[in-house]
């Protein structure tokens, strides 16, 4: 199934990097990522393929399992790419950090995602 870029951005935020359940996270990855997708981490990591994206998303999530990711602005789309700015933190607390996800889509799925950390708004 093909998805809009905005849908891909929001599903990646909540269903992949915001998901604690490994079975649901992997199902979301299989549904919205191309098999050969690449995730670029701002700390220098490059993770190729669904299996590696699943592994790193689980490792990141394990560092703050109670945090929720919330879009700070609506996703923006242009051509085959899009971005969403977000904040994350414990429910009921001020955001702990902020970032921007930038994706390139191919055939209605994520081909690549680049994560940028931002200053808190």
PDB file of N, CA and C in Angstrom:
ATOM      1  N   UNK A   1       0.840  -1.180   0.000  1.00  0.00           N
ATOM      2  CA  UNK A   1       0.000   0.000   0.000  1.00  0.00           C
ATOM      3  C   UNK A   1       0.884   1.242   0.000  1.00  0.00           C
ATOM      4  N   UNK A   2       0.496   2.248  -0.744  1.00  0.00           N
ATOM      5  CA  UNK A   2       1.230   3.504  -0.803  1.00  0.00           C
ATOM      6  C   UNK A   2       0.602   4.499   0.158  1.00  0.00           C
ATOM      7  N   UNK A   3       1.447   5.270   0.823  1.00  0.00           N
ATOM      8  CA  UNK A   3       1.007   6.258   1.798  1.00  0.00           C
ATOM      9  C   UNK A   3       1.485   7.640   1.392  1.00  0.00           C
ATOM     10  N   UNK A   4       0.759   8.674   1.865  1.00  0.00           N
ATOM     11  CA  UNK A   4       1.219  10.042   1.635  1.00  0.00           C
ATOM     12  C   UNK A   4       2.471  10.288   2.478  1.00  0.00           C
ATOM     13  N   UNK A   5       3.228  11.276   2.089  1.00  0.00           N
ATOM     14  CA  UNK A   5       4.447  11.625   2.819  1.00  0.00           C
ATOM     15  C   UNK A   5       4.092  12.058   4.243  1.00  0.00           C
ATOM     16  N   UNK A   6       3.034  12.821   4.415  1.00  0.00           N
ATOM     17  CA  UNK A   6       2.624  13.241   5.760  1.00  0.00           C
ATOM     18  C   UNK A   6       2.281  12.039   6.633  1.00  0.00           C
ATOM     19  N   UNK A   7       1.569  11.081   6.080  1.00  0.00           N
ATOM     20  CA  UNK A   7       1.231   9.869   6.830  1.00  0.00           C
ATOM     21  C   UNK A   7       2.485   9.106   7.209  1.00  0.00           C
ATOM     22  N   UNK A   8       3.422   8.980   6.285  1.00  0.00           N
ATOM     23  CA  UNK A   8       4.681   8.286   6.577  1.00  0.00           C
ATOM     24  C   UNK A   8       5.434   8.966   7.714  1.00  0.00           C
ATOM     25  N   UNK A   9       5.500  10.285   7.672  1.00  0.00           N
ATOM     26  CA  UNK A   9       6.201  11.026   8.723  1.00  0.00           C
ATOM     27  C   UNK A   9       5.581  10.780  10.096  1.00  0.00           C
ATOM     28  N   UNK A  10       4.273  10.865  10.176  1.00  0.00           N
ATOM     29  CA  UNK A  10       3.601  10.704  11.459  1.00  0.00           C
ATOM     30  C   UNK A  10       3.635   9.263  11.948  1.00  0.00           C
ATOM     31  N   UNK A  11       3.500   8.312  11.042  1.00  0.00           N
ATOM     32  CA  UNK A  11       3.579   6.893  11.443  1.00  0.00           C
ATOM     33  C   UNK A  11       4.984   6.534  11.899  1.00  0.00           C
ATOM     34  N   UNK A  12       5.998   7.080  11.256  1.00  0.00           N
ATOM     35  CA  UNK A  12       7.374   6.837  11.676  1.00  0.00           C
ATOM     36  C   UNK A  12       7.603   7.377  13.092  1.00  0.00           C
ATOM     37  N   UNK A  13       7.080   8.557  13.342  1.00  0.00           N
ATOM     38  CA  UNK A  13       7.255   9.198  14.637  1.00  0.00           C
ATOM     39  C   UNK A  13       6.596   8.392  15.759  1.00  0.00           C
ATOM     40  N   UNK A  14       5.353   8.006  15.570  1.00  0.00           N
ATOM     41  CA  UNK A  14       4.631   7.319  16.646  1.00  0.00           C
ATOM     42  C   UNK A  14       4.743   5.803  16.574  1.00  0.00           C
ATOM     43  N   UNK A  15       4.620   5.234  15.392  1.00  0.00           N
ATOM     44  CA  UNK A  15       4.566   3.785  15.248  1.00  0.00           C
ATOM     45  C   UNK A  15       5.894   3.089  15.191  1.00  0.00           C
ATOM     46  N   UNK A  16       6.965   3.842  14.949  1.00  0.00           N
ATOM     47  CA  UNK A  16       8.306   3.241  14.901  1.00  0.00           C
ATOM     48  C   UNK A  16       9.120   3.735  16.096  1.00  0.00           C
ATOM     49  N   UNK A  17       9.502   4.987  16.091  1.00  0.00           N
ATOM     50  CA  UNK A  17      10.385   5.497  17.148  1.00  0.00           C
ATOM     51  C   UNK A  17       9.644   5.766  18.462  1.00  0.00           C
ATOM     52  N   UNK A  18       8.318   5.842  18.423  1.00  0.00           N
ATOM     53  CA  UNK A  18       7.544   6.042  19.634  1.00  0.00           C
ATOM     54  C   UNK A  18       6.874   4.785  20.154  1.00  0.00           C
ATOM     55  N   UNK A  19       7.149   3.648  19.538  1.00  0.00           N
ATOM     56  CA  UNK A  19       6.472   2.401  19.896  1.00  0.00           C
ATOM     57  C   UNK A  19       7.329   1.534  20.817  1.00  0.00           C
ATOM     58  N   UNK A  20       6.781   1.164  21.966  1.00  0.00           N
ATOM     59  CA  UNK A  20       7.488   0.294  22.912  1.00  0.00           C
ATOM     60  C   UNK A  20       7.376  -1.187  22.572  1.00  0.00           C
ATOM     61  N   UNK A  21       6.270  -1.593  21.973  1.00  0.00           N
ATOM     62  CA  UNK A  21       6.055  -3.006  21.675  1.00  0.00           C
ATOM     63  C   UNK A  21       6.855  -3.410  20.429  1.00  0.00           C
ATOM     64  N   UNK A  22       7.811  -4.330  20.565  1.00  0.00           N
ATOM     65  CA  UNK A  22       8.661  -4.682  19.423  1.00  0.00           C
ATOM     66  C   UNK A  22       7.902  -5.314  18.259  1.00  0.00           C
ATOM     67  N   UNK A  23       6.838  -6.036  18.527  1.00  0.00           N
ATOM     68  CA  UNK A  23       6.063  -6.661  17.450  1.00  0.00           C
ATOM     69  C   UNK A  23       5.328  -5.593  16.642  1.00  0.00           C
ATOM     70  N   UNK A  24       4.684  -4.657  17.335  1.00  0.00           N
ATOM     71  CA  UNK A  24       3.988  -3.570  16.621  1.00  0.00           C
ATOM     72  C   UNK A  24       4.969  -2.669  15.888  1.00  0.00           C
ATOM     73  N   UNK A  25       6.140  -2.394  16.523  1.00  0.00           N
ATOM     74  CA  UNK A  25       7.147  -1.556  15.865  1.00  0.00           C
ATOM     75  C   UNK A  25       7.603  -2.214  14.565  1.00  0.00           C
ATOM     76  N   UNK A  26       7.916  -3.512  14.606  1.00  0.00           N
ATOM     77  CA  UNK A  26       8.387  -4.200  13.402  1.00  0.00           C
ATOM     78  C   UNK A  26       7.311  -4.243  12.326  1.00  0.00           C
ATOM     79  N   UNK A  27       6.056  -4.437  12.732  1.00  0.00           N
ATOM     80  CA  UNK A  27       4.964  -4.439  11.754  1.00  0.00           C
ATOM     81  C   UNK A  27       4.858  -3.079  11.067  1.00  0.00           C
ATOM     82  N   UNK A  28       5.006  -1.998  11.827  1.00  0.00           N
ATOM     83  CA  UNK A  28       4.958  -0.655  11.238  1.00  0.00           C
ATOM     84  C   UNK A  28       6.125  -0.445  10.277  1.00  0.00           C
ATOM     85  N   UNK A  29       7.311  -0.897  10.669  1.00  0.00           N
ATOM     86  CA  UNK A  29       8.487  -0.765   9.795  1.00  0.00           C
ATOM     87  C   UNK A  29       8.259  -1.511   8.490  1.00  0.00           C
ATOM     88  N   UNK A  30       7.773  -2.743   8.583  1.00  0.00           N
ATOM     89  CA  UNK A  30       7.529  -3.528   7.373  1.00  0.00           C
ATOM     90  C   UNK A  30       6.480  -2.879   6.470  1.00  0.00           C
ATOM     91  N   UNK A  31       5.546  -2.161   7.073  1.00  0.00           N
ATOM     92  CA  UNK A  31       4.474  -1.543   6.304  1.00  0.00           C
ATOM     93  C   UNK A  31       4.877  -0.220   5.655  1.00  0.00           C
ATOM     94  N   UNK A  32       5.695   0.595   6.330  1.00  0.00           N
ATOM     95  CA  UNK A  32       5.930   1.957   5.811  1.00  0.00           C
ATOM     96  C   UNK A  32       7.336   2.190   5.260  1.00  0.00           C
ATOM     97  N   UNK A  33       8.261   1.252   5.460  1.00  0.00           N
ATOM     98  CA  UNK A  33       9.624   1.410   4.950  1.00  0.00           C
ATOM     99  C   UNK A  33       9.857   0.493   3.759  1.00  0.00           C
ATOM    100  N   UNK A  34      10.598   0.984   2.767  1.00  0.00           N
ATOM    101  CA  UNK A  34      11.087   0.113   1.709  1.00  0.00           C
ATOM    102  C   UNK A  34      12.096  -0.858   2.316  1.00  0.00           C
ATOM    103  N   UNK A  35      12.229  -2.013   1.713  1.00  0.00           N
ATOM    104  CA  UNK A  35      13.153  -3.037   2.227  1.00  0.00           C
ATOM    105  C   UNK A  35      14.574  -2.498   2.360  1.00  0.00           C
ATOM    106  N   UNK A  36      14.994  -1.653   1.425  1.00  0.00           N
ATOM    107  CA  UNK A  36      16.367  -1.137   1.411  1.00  0.00           C
ATOM    108  C   UNK A  36      16.474   0.275   2.006  1.00  0.00           C
ATOM    109  N   UNK A  37      15.524   0.656   2.846  1.00  0.00           N
ATOM    110  CA  UNK A  37      15.517   2.000   3.443  1.00  0.00           C
ATOM    111  C   UNK A  37      16.769   2.229   4.285  1.00  0.00           C
ATOM    112  N   UNK A  38      17.081   3.522   4.464  1.00  0.00           N
ATOM    113  CA  UNK A  38      18.257   3.927   5.236  1.00  0.00           C
ATOM    114  C   UNK A  38      17.833   4.974   6.270  1.00  0.00           C
ATOM    115  N   UNK A  39      18.345   4.814   7.505  1.00  0.00           N
ATOM    116  CA  UNK A  39      18.128   5.788   8.568  1.00  0.00           C
ATOM    117  C   UNK A  39      19.467   6.424   8.894  1.00  0.00           C
ATOM    118  N   UNK A  40      19.503   7.758   8.833  1.00  0.00           N
ATOM    119  CA  UNK A  40      20.716   8.519   9.141  1.00  0.00           C
ATOM    120  C   UNK A  40      20.547   9.166  10.505  1.00  0.00           C
ATOM    121  N   UNK A  41      21.375   8.763  11.448  1.00  0.00           N
ATOM    122  CA  UNK A  41      21.363   9.271  12.811  1.00  0.00           C
ATOM    123  C   UNK A  41      22.334  10.451  12.881  1.00  0.00           C
ATOM    124  N   UNK A  42      21.962  11.544  13.562  1.00  0.00           N
ATOM    125  CA  UNK A  42      22.857  12.702  13.609  1.00  0.00           C
ATOM    126  C   UNK A  42      24.161  12.439  14.363  1.00  0.00           C
ATOM    127  N   UNK A  43      24.216  11.361  15.102  1.00  0.00           N
ATOM    128  CA  UNK A  43      25.448  11.014  15.827  1.00  0.00           C
ATOM    129  C   UNK A  43      26.393  10.197  14.953  1.00  0.00           C
ATOM    130  N   UNK A  44      26.089  10.122  13.669  1.00  0.00           N
ATOM    131  CA  UNK A  44      26.994   9.492  12.721  1.00  0.00           C
ATOM    132  C   UNK A  44      26.617   8.104  12.274  1.00  0.00           C
ATOM    133  N   UNK A  45      25.554   7.545  12.819  1.00  0.00           N
ATOM    134  CA  UNK A  45      25.155   6.205  12.427  1.00  0.00           C
ATOM    135  C   UNK A  45      24.380   6.192  11.124  1.00  0.00           C
ATOM    136  N   UNK A  46      24.645   5.188  10.319  1.00  0.00           N
ATOM    137  CA  UNK A  46      23.888   4.940   9.095  1.00  0.00           C
ATOM    138  C   UNK A  46      23.394   3.504   9.192  1.00  0.00           C
ATOM    139  N   UNK A  47      22.074   3.335   9.188  1.00  0.00           N
ATOM    140  CA  UNK A  47      21.472   2.030   9.399  1.00  0.00           C
ATOM    141  C   UNK A  47      20.665   1.659   8.166  1.00  0.00           C
ATOM    142  N   UNK A  48      21.019   0.543   7.559  1.00  0.00           N
ATOM    143  CA  UNK A  48      20.440   0.134   6.273  1.00  0.00           C
ATOM    144  C   UNK A  48      19.543  -1.081   6.427  1.00  0.00           C
ATOM    145  N   UNK A  49      18.363  -0.986   5.847  1.00  0.00           N
ATOM    146  CA  UNK A  49      17.423  -2.102   5.841  1.00  0.00           C
ATOM    147  C   UNK A  49      16.505  -2.103   7.046  1.00  0.00           C
ATOM    148  N   UNK A  50      15.381  -2.781   6.880  1.00  0.00           N
ATOM    149  CA  UNK A  50      14.354  -2.809   7.921  1.00  0.00           C
ATOM    150  C   UNK A  50      14.863  -3.413   9.228  1.00  0.00           C
ATOM    151  N   UNK A  51      15.651  -4.460   9.135  1.00  0.00           N
ATOM    152  CA  UNK A  51      16.142  -5.124  10.348  1.00  0.00           C
ATOM    153  C   UNK A  51      16.990  -4.170  11.186  1.00  0.00           C
ATOM    154  N   UNK A  52      17.884  -3.434  10.554  1.00  0.00           N
ATOM    155  CA  UNK A  52      18.745  -2.493  11.277  1.00  0.00           C
ATOM    156  C   UNK A  52      17.954  -1.294  11.797  1.00  0.00           C
ATOM    157  N   UNK A  53      16.991  -0.829  11.018  1.00  0.00           N
ATOM    158  CA  UNK A  53      16.149   0.274  11.481  1.00  0.00           C
ATOM    159  C   UNK A  53      15.350  -0.168  12.694  1.00  0.00           C
ATOM    160  N   UNK A  54      14.842  -1.375  12.669  1.00  0.00           N
ATOM    161  CA  UNK A  54      14.124  -1.923  13.816  1.00  0.00           C
ATOM    162  C   UNK A  54      15.037  -2.000  15.041  1.00  0.00           C
ATOM    163  N   UNK A  55      16.233  -2.485  14.860  1.00  0.00           N
ATOM    164  CA  UNK A  55      17.181  -2.625  15.968  1.00  0.00           C
ATOM    165  C   UNK A  55      17.500  -1.269  16.595  1.00  0.00           C
ATOM    166  N   UNK A  56      17.831  -0.280  15.775  1.00  0.00           N
ATOM    167  CA  UNK A  56      18.213   1.023  16.317  1.00  0.00           C
ATOM    168  C   UNK A  56      17.004   1.753  16.905  1.00  0.00           C
ATOM    169  N   UNK A  57      15.826   1.613  16.310  1.00  0.00           N
ATOM    170  CA  UNK A  57      14.624   2.240  16.873  1.00  0.00           C
ATOM    171  C   UNK A  57      14.327   1.657  18.251  1.00  0.00           C
ATOM    172  N   UNK A  58      14.488   0.353  18.405  1.00  0.00           N
ATOM    173  CA  UNK A  58      14.282  -0.277  19.708  1.00  0.00           C
ATOM    174  C   UNK A  58      15.305   0.183  20.729  1.00  0.00           C
ATOM    175  N   UNK A  59      16.554   0.320  20.295  1.00  0.00           N
ATOM    176  CA  UNK A  59      17.610   0.774  21.211  1.00  0.00           C
ATOM    177  C   UNK A  59      17.376   2.217  21.649  1.00  0.00           C
ATOM    178  N   UNK A  60      16.969   3.074  20.721  1.00  0.00           N
ATOM    179  CA  UNK A  60      16.674   4.468  21.057  1.00  0.00           C
ATOM    180  C   UNK A  60      15.479   4.522  22.006  1.00  0.00           C
ATOM    181  N   UNK A  61      14.462   3.771  21.696  1.00  0.00           N
ATOM    182  CA  UNK A  61      13.249   3.776  22.515  1.00  0.00           C
ATOM    183  C   UNK A  61      13.537   3.292  23.930  1.00  0.00           C
ATOM    184  N   UNK A  62      14.423   2.333  24.081  1.00  0.00           N
ATOM    185  CA  UNK A  62      14.749   1.781  25.400  1.00  0.00           C
ATOM    186  C   UNK A  62      15.385   2.822  26.318  1.00  0.00           C
ATOM    187  N   UNK A  63      15.972   3.872  25.759  1.00  0.00           N
ATOM    188  CA  UNK A  63      16.606   4.898  26.588  1.00  0.00           C
ATOM    189  C   UNK A  63      15.587   5.830  27.242  1.00  0.00           C
ATOM    190  N   UNK A  64      14.364   5.855  26.730  1.00  0.00           N
ATOM    191  CA  UNK A  64      13.311   6.718  27.288  1.00  0.00           C
ATOM    192  C   UNK A  64      11.923   6.160  26.931  1.00  0.00           C
ATOM    193  N   UNK A  65      11.575   4.995  27.483  1.00  0.00           N
ATOM    194  CA  UNK A  65      10.331   4.323  27.095  1.00  0.00           C
ATOM    195  C   UNK A  65       9.052   5.072  27.449  1.00  0.00           C
ATOM    196  N   UNK A  66       9.117   6.009  28.365  1.00  0.00           N
ATOM    197  CA  UNK A  66       7.906   6.744  28.752  1.00  0.00           C
ATOM    198  C   UNK A  66       7.704   8.031  27.959  1.00  0.00           C
ATOM    199  N   UNK A  67       8.683   8.419  27.152  1.00  0.00           N
ATOM    200  CA  UNK A  67       8.565   9.664  26.386  1.00  0.00           C
ATOM    201  C   UNK A  67       7.554   9.506  25.252  1.00  0.00           C
ATOM    202  N   UNK A  68       6.877  10.606  24.955  1.00  0.00           N
ATOM    203  CA  UNK A  68       5.958  10.666  23.825  1.00  0.00           C
ATOM    204  C   UNK A  68       6.472  11.675  22.815  1.00  0.00           C
ATOM    205  N   UNK A  69       6.404  11.314  21.541  1.00  0.00           N
ATOM    206  CA  UNK A  69       6.765  12.221  20.460  1.00  0.00           C
ATOM    207  C   UNK A  69       5.505  12.946  20.003  1.00  0.00           C
ATOM    208  N   UNK A  70       5.591  14.269  19.905  1.00  0.00           N
ATOM    209  CA  UNK A  70       4.461  15.078  19.474  1.00  0.00           C
ATOM    210  C   UNK A  70       4.901  16.004  18.351  1.00  0.00           C
ATOM    211  N   UNK A  71       4.188  15.999  17.224  1.00  0.00           N
ATOM    212  CA  UNK A  71       4.524  16.968  16.174  1.00  0.00           C
ATOM    213  C   UNK A  71       4.384  18.380  16.719  1.00  0.00           C
ATOM    214  N   UNK A  72       5.362  19.212  16.422  1.00  0.00           N
ATOM    215  CA  UNK A  72       5.335  20.609  16.846  1.00  0.00           C
ATOM    216  C   UNK A  72       4.646  21.474  15.792  1.00  0.00           C
ATOM    217  N   UNK A  73       4.774  21.055  14.547  1.00  0.00           N
ATOM    218  CA  UNK A  73       4.095  21.670  13.410  1.00  0.00           C
ATOM    219  C   UNK A  73       3.556  20.538  12.544  1.00  0.00           C
ATOM    220  N   UNK A  74       2.608  20.849  11.697  1.00  0.00           N
ATOM    221  CA  UNK A  74       2.102  19.862  10.745  1.00  0.00           C
ATOM    222  C   UNK A  74       3.228  19.451   9.792  1.00  0.00           C
ATOM    223  N   UNK A  75       3.213  18.210   9.315  1.00  0.00           N
ATOM    224  CA  UNK A  75       4.230  17.805   8.336  1.00  0.00           C
ATOM    225  C   UNK A  75       4.174  18.683   7.091  1.00  0.00           C
ATOM    226  N   UNK A  76       5.330  18.843   6.474  1.00  0.00           N
ATOM    227  CA  UNK A  76       5.433  19.583   5.213  1.00  0.00           C
ATOM    228  C   UNK A  76       5.903  18.613   4.137  1.00  0.00           C
ATOM    229  N   UNK A  77       5.364  18.766   2.946  1.00  0.00           N
ATOM    230  CA  UNK A  77       5.713  17.909   1.816  1.00  0.00           C
ATOM    231  C   UNK A  77       6.186  18.744   0.643  1.00  0.00           C
ATOM    232  N   UNK A  78       7.128  18.202  -0.100  1.00  0.00           N
ATOM    233  CA  UNK A  78       7.533  18.786  -1.375  1.00  0.00           C
ATOM    234  C   UNK A  78       8.075  17.667  -2.250  1.00  0.00           C
ATOM    235  N   UNK A  79       7.459  17.471  -3.398  1.00  0.00           N
ATOM    236  CA  UNK A  79       7.899  16.415  -4.302  1.00  0.00           C
ATOM    237  C   UNK A  79       7.853  15.052  -3.625  1.00  0.00           C
ATOM    238  N   UNK A  80       9.003  14.388  -3.551  1.00  0.00           N
ATOM    239  CA  UNK A  80       9.092  13.052  -2.945  1.00  0.00           C
ATOM    240  C   UNK A  80       9.637  13.106  -1.526  1.00  0.00           C
ATOM    241  N   UNK A  81       9.680  14.308  -0.933  1.00  0.00           N
ATOM    242  CA  UNK A  81      10.277  14.463   0.390  1.00  0.00           C
ATOM    243  C   UNK A  81       9.329  15.193   1.332  1.00  0.00           C
ATOM    244  N   UNK A  82       9.660  15.115   2.608  1.00  0.00           N
ATOM    245  CA  UNK A  82       8.879  15.827   3.602  1.00  0.00           C
ATOM    246  C   UNK A  82       9.613  15.890   4.919  1.00  0.00           C
ATOM    247  N   UNK A  83       9.103  16.734   5.808  1.00  0.00           N
ATOM    248  CA  UNK A  83       9.700  16.855   7.131  1.00  0.00           C
ATOM    249  C   UNK A  83       8.610  17.117   8.155  1.00  0.00           C
ATOM    250  N   UNK A  84       8.930  16.748   9.398  1.00  0.00           N
ATOM    251  CA  UNK A  84       8.064  17.066  10.517  1.00  0.00           C
ATOM    252  C   UNK A  84       8.953  17.448  11.694  1.00  0.00           C
ATOM    253  N   UNK A  85       8.617  18.575  12.312  1.00  0.00           N
ATOM    254  CA  UNK A  85       9.316  19.004  13.532  1.00  0.00           C
ATOM    255  C   UNK A  85       8.522  18.480  14.708  1.00  0.00           C
ATOM    256  N   UNK A  86       9.225  18.012  15.743  1.00  0.00           N
ATOM    257  CA  UNK A  86       8.567  17.385  16.875  1.00  0.00           C
ATOM    258  C   UNK A  86       9.288  17.702  18.183  1.00  0.00           C
ATOM    259  N   UNK A  87       8.592  17.428  19.275  1.00  0.00           N
ATOM    260  CA  UNK A  87       9.179  17.507  20.607  1.00  0.00           C
ATOM    261  C   UNK A  87       8.901  16.175  21.289  1.00  0.00           C
ATOM    262  N   UNK A  88       9.697  15.876  22.314  1.00  0.00           N
ATOM    263  CA  UNK A  88       9.520  14.628  23.043  1.00  0.00           C
ATOM    264  C   UNK A  88       9.821  14.836  24.513  1.00  0.00           C
ATOM    265  N   UNK A  89       9.073  14.129  25.326  1.00  0.00           N
ATOM    266  CA  UNK A  89       9.287  14.176  26.762  1.00  0.00           C
ATOM    267  C   UNK A  89       8.271  13.314  27.484  1.00  0.00           C
ATOM    268  N   UNK A  90       8.402  13.262  28.791  1.00  0.00           N
ATOM    269  CA  UNK A  90       7.469  12.501  29.614  1.00  0.00           C
ATOM    270  C   UNK A  90       6.110  13.196  29.622  1.00  0.00           C
ATOM    271  N   UNK A  91       5.027  12.438  29.598  1.00  0.00           N
ATOM    272  CA  UNK A  91       3.691  13.039  29.636  1.00  0.00           C
ATOM    273  C   UNK A  91       3.530  13.958  30.843  1.00  0.00           C
ATOM    274  N   UNK A  92       2.956  15.135  30.606  1.00  0.00           N
ATOM    275  CA  UNK A  92       2.720  16.098  31.663  1.00  0.00           C
ATOM    276  C   UNK A  92       3.922  16.934  32.052  1.00  0.00           C
ATOM    277  N   UNK A  93       5.051  16.682  31.431  1.00  0.00           N
ATOM    278  CA  UNK A  93       6.288  17.425  31.701  1.00  0.00           C
ATOM    279  C   UNK A  93       6.640  18.275  30.485  1.00  0.00           C
ATOM    280  N   UNK A  94       7.465  19.314  30.667  1.00  0.00           N
ATOM    281  CA  UNK A  94       7.945  20.065  29.497  1.00  0.00           C
ATOM    282  C   UNK A  94       8.772  19.151  28.596  1.00  0.00           C
ATOM    283  N   UNK A  95       8.815  19.441  27.296  1.00  0.00           N
ATOM    284  CA  UNK A  95       9.614  18.610  26.391  1.00  0.00           C
ATOM    285  C   UNK A  95      11.073  18.541  26.832  1.00  0.00           C
ATOM    286  N   UNK A  96      11.665  17.373  26.678  1.00  0.00           N
ATOM    287  CA  UNK A  96      13.065  17.153  27.032  1.00  0.00           C
ATOM    288  C   UNK A  96      13.987  17.446  25.851  1.00  0.00           C
ATOM    289  N   UNK A  97      13.491  17.225  24.657  1.00  0.00           N
ATOM    290  CA  UNK A  97      14.283  17.523  23.467  1.00  0.00           C
ATOM    291  C   UNK A  97      13.379  17.674  22.256  1.00  0.00           C
ATOM    292  N   UNK A  98      13.960  18.153  21.165  1.00  0.00           N
ATOM    293  CA  UNK A  98      13.213  18.421  19.940  1.00  0.00           C
ATOM    294  C   UNK A  98      14.016  17.951  18.742  1.00  0.00           C
ATOM    295  N   UNK A  99      13.321  17.725  17.649  1.00  0.00           N
ATOM    296  CA  UNK A  99      14.014  17.295  16.446  1.00  0.00           C
ATOM    297  C   UNK A  99      13.175  17.492  15.208  1.00  0.00           C
ATOM    298  N   UNK A 100      13.776  17.152  14.097  1.00  0.00           N
ATOM    299  CA  UNK A 100      13.112  17.182  12.796  1.00  0.00           C
ATOM    300  C   UNK A 100      13.434  15.875  12.086  1.00  0.00           C
ATOM    301  N   UNK A 101      12.403  15.215  11.585  1.00  0.00           N
ATOM    302  CA  UNK A 101      12.589  14.053  10.723  1.00  0.00           C
ATOM    303  C   UNK A 101      12.386  14.516   9.289  1.00  0.00           C
ATOM    304  N   UNK A 102      13.319  14.163   8.428  1.00  0.00           N
ATOM    305  CA  UNK A 102      13.242  14.471   7.005  1.00  0.00           C
ATOM    306  C   UNK A 102      13.245  13.143   6.269  1.00  0.00           C
ATOM    307  N   UNK A 103      12.247  12.898   5.425  1.00  0.00           N
ATOM    308  CA  UNK A 103      12.201  11.642   4.681  1.00  0.00           C
ATOM    309  C   UNK A 103      12.180  11.877   3.181  1.00  0.00           C
ATOM    310  N   UNK A 104      12.645  10.868   2.474  1.00  0.00           N
ATOM    311  CA  UNK A 104      12.460  10.751   1.035  1.00  0.00           C
ATOM    312  C   UNK A 104      11.646   9.485   0.833  1.00  0.00           C
ATOM    313  N   UNK A 105      10.587   9.588   0.057  1.00  0.00           N
ATOM    314  CA  UNK A 105       9.705   8.449  -0.181  1.00  0.00           C
ATOM    315  C   UNK A 105       9.898   7.903  -1.595  1.00  0.00           C
ATOM    316  N   UNK A 106       9.640   6.617  -1.716  1.00  0.00           N
ATOM    317  CA  UNK A 106       9.665   5.946  -3.020  1.00  0.00           C
ATOM    318  C   UNK A 106       8.507   4.950  -3.025  1.00  0.00           C
ATOM    319  N   UNK A 107       7.627   5.080  -4.000  1.00  0.00           N
ATOM    320  CA  UNK A 107       6.480   4.186  -4.132  1.00  0.00           C
ATOM    321  C   UNK A 107       5.609   4.162  -2.875  1.00  0.00           C
ATOM    322  N   UNK A 108       5.438   5.313  -2.238  1.00  0.00           N
ATOM    323  CA  UNK A 108       4.551   5.428  -1.099  1.00  0.00           C
ATOM    324  C   UNK A 108       5.078   4.854   0.201  1.00  0.00           C
ATOM    325  N   UNK A 109       6.391   4.606   0.255  1.00  0.00           N
ATOM    326  CA  UNK A 109       7.037   4.116   1.476  1.00  0.00           C
ATOM    327  C   UNK A 109       8.311   4.922   1.711  1.00  0.00           C
ATOM    328  N   UNK A 110       8.837   4.851   2.926  1.00  0.00           N
ATOM    329  CA  UNK A 110      10.054   5.594   3.262  1.00  0.00           C
ATOM    330  C   UNK A 110      11.267   4.917   2.623  1.00  0.00           C
ATOM    331  N   UNK A 111      12.020   5.700   1.841  1.00  0.00           N
ATOM    332  CA  UNK A 111      13.280   5.234   1.270  1.00  0.00           C
ATOM    333  C   UNK A 111      14.443   5.626   2.172  1.00  0.00           C
ATOM    334  N   UNK A 112      14.350   6.820   2.767  1.00  0.00           N
ATOM    335  CA  UNK A 112      15.384   7.254   3.710  1.00  0.00           C
ATOM    336  C   UNK A 112      14.768   8.238   4.695  1.00  0.00           C
ATOM    337  N   UNK A 113      15.321   8.212   5.902  1.00  0.00           N
ATOM    338  CA  UNK A 113      14.919   9.156   6.933  1.00  0.00           C
ATOM    339  C   UNK A 113      16.176   9.717   7.580  1.00  0.00           C
ATOM    340  N   UNK A 114      16.216  11.032   7.687  1.00  0.00           N
ATOM    341  CA  UNK A 114      17.331  11.731   8.330  1.00  0.00           C
ATOM    342  C   UNK A 114      16.783  12.405   9.581  1.00  0.00           C
ATOM    343  N   UNK A 115      17.434  12.174  10.706  1.00  0.00           N
ATOM    344  CA  UNK A 115      17.041  12.770  11.968  1.00  0.00           C
ATOM    345  C   UNK A 115      17.964  13.940  12.277  1.00  0.00           C
ATOM    346  N   UNK A 116      17.371  15.055  12.668  1.00  0.00           N
ATOM    347  CA  UNK A 116      18.113  16.227  13.109  1.00  0.00           C
ATOM    348  C   UNK A 116      17.620  16.581  14.504  1.00  0.00           C
ATOM    349  N   UNK A 117      18.537  16.877  15.426  1.00  0.00           N
ATOM    350  CA  UNK A 117      18.114  17.385  16.725  1.00  0.00           C
ATOM    351  C   UNK A 117      18.063  18.905  16.655  1.00  0.00           C
ATOM    352  N   UNK A 118      17.038  19.487  17.264  1.00  0.00           N
ATOM    353  CA  UNK A 118      16.806  20.931  17.236  1.00  0.00           C
ATOM    354  C   UNK A 118      16.869  21.491  18.645  1.00  0.00           C
ATOM    355  N   UNK A 119      16.980  22.809  18.734  1.00  0.00           N
ATOM    356  CA  UNK A 119      16.844  23.481  20.020  1.00  0.00           C
ATOM    357  C   UNK A 119      15.382  23.426  20.431  1.00  0.00           C
ATOM    358  N   UNK A 120      15.141  23.308  21.711  1.00  0.00           N
ATOM    359  CA  UNK A 120      13.757  23.315  22.181  1.00  0.00           C
ATOM    360  C   UNK A 120      13.097  24.641  21.850  1.00  0.00           C
ATOM    361  N   UNK A 121      11.824  24.589  21.469  1.00  0.00           N
ATOM    362  CA  UNK A 121      11.117  25.831  21.128  1.00  0.00           C
ATOM    363  C   UNK A 121      10.891  26.696  22.367  1.00  0.00           C
TER     364      UNK A 121
END
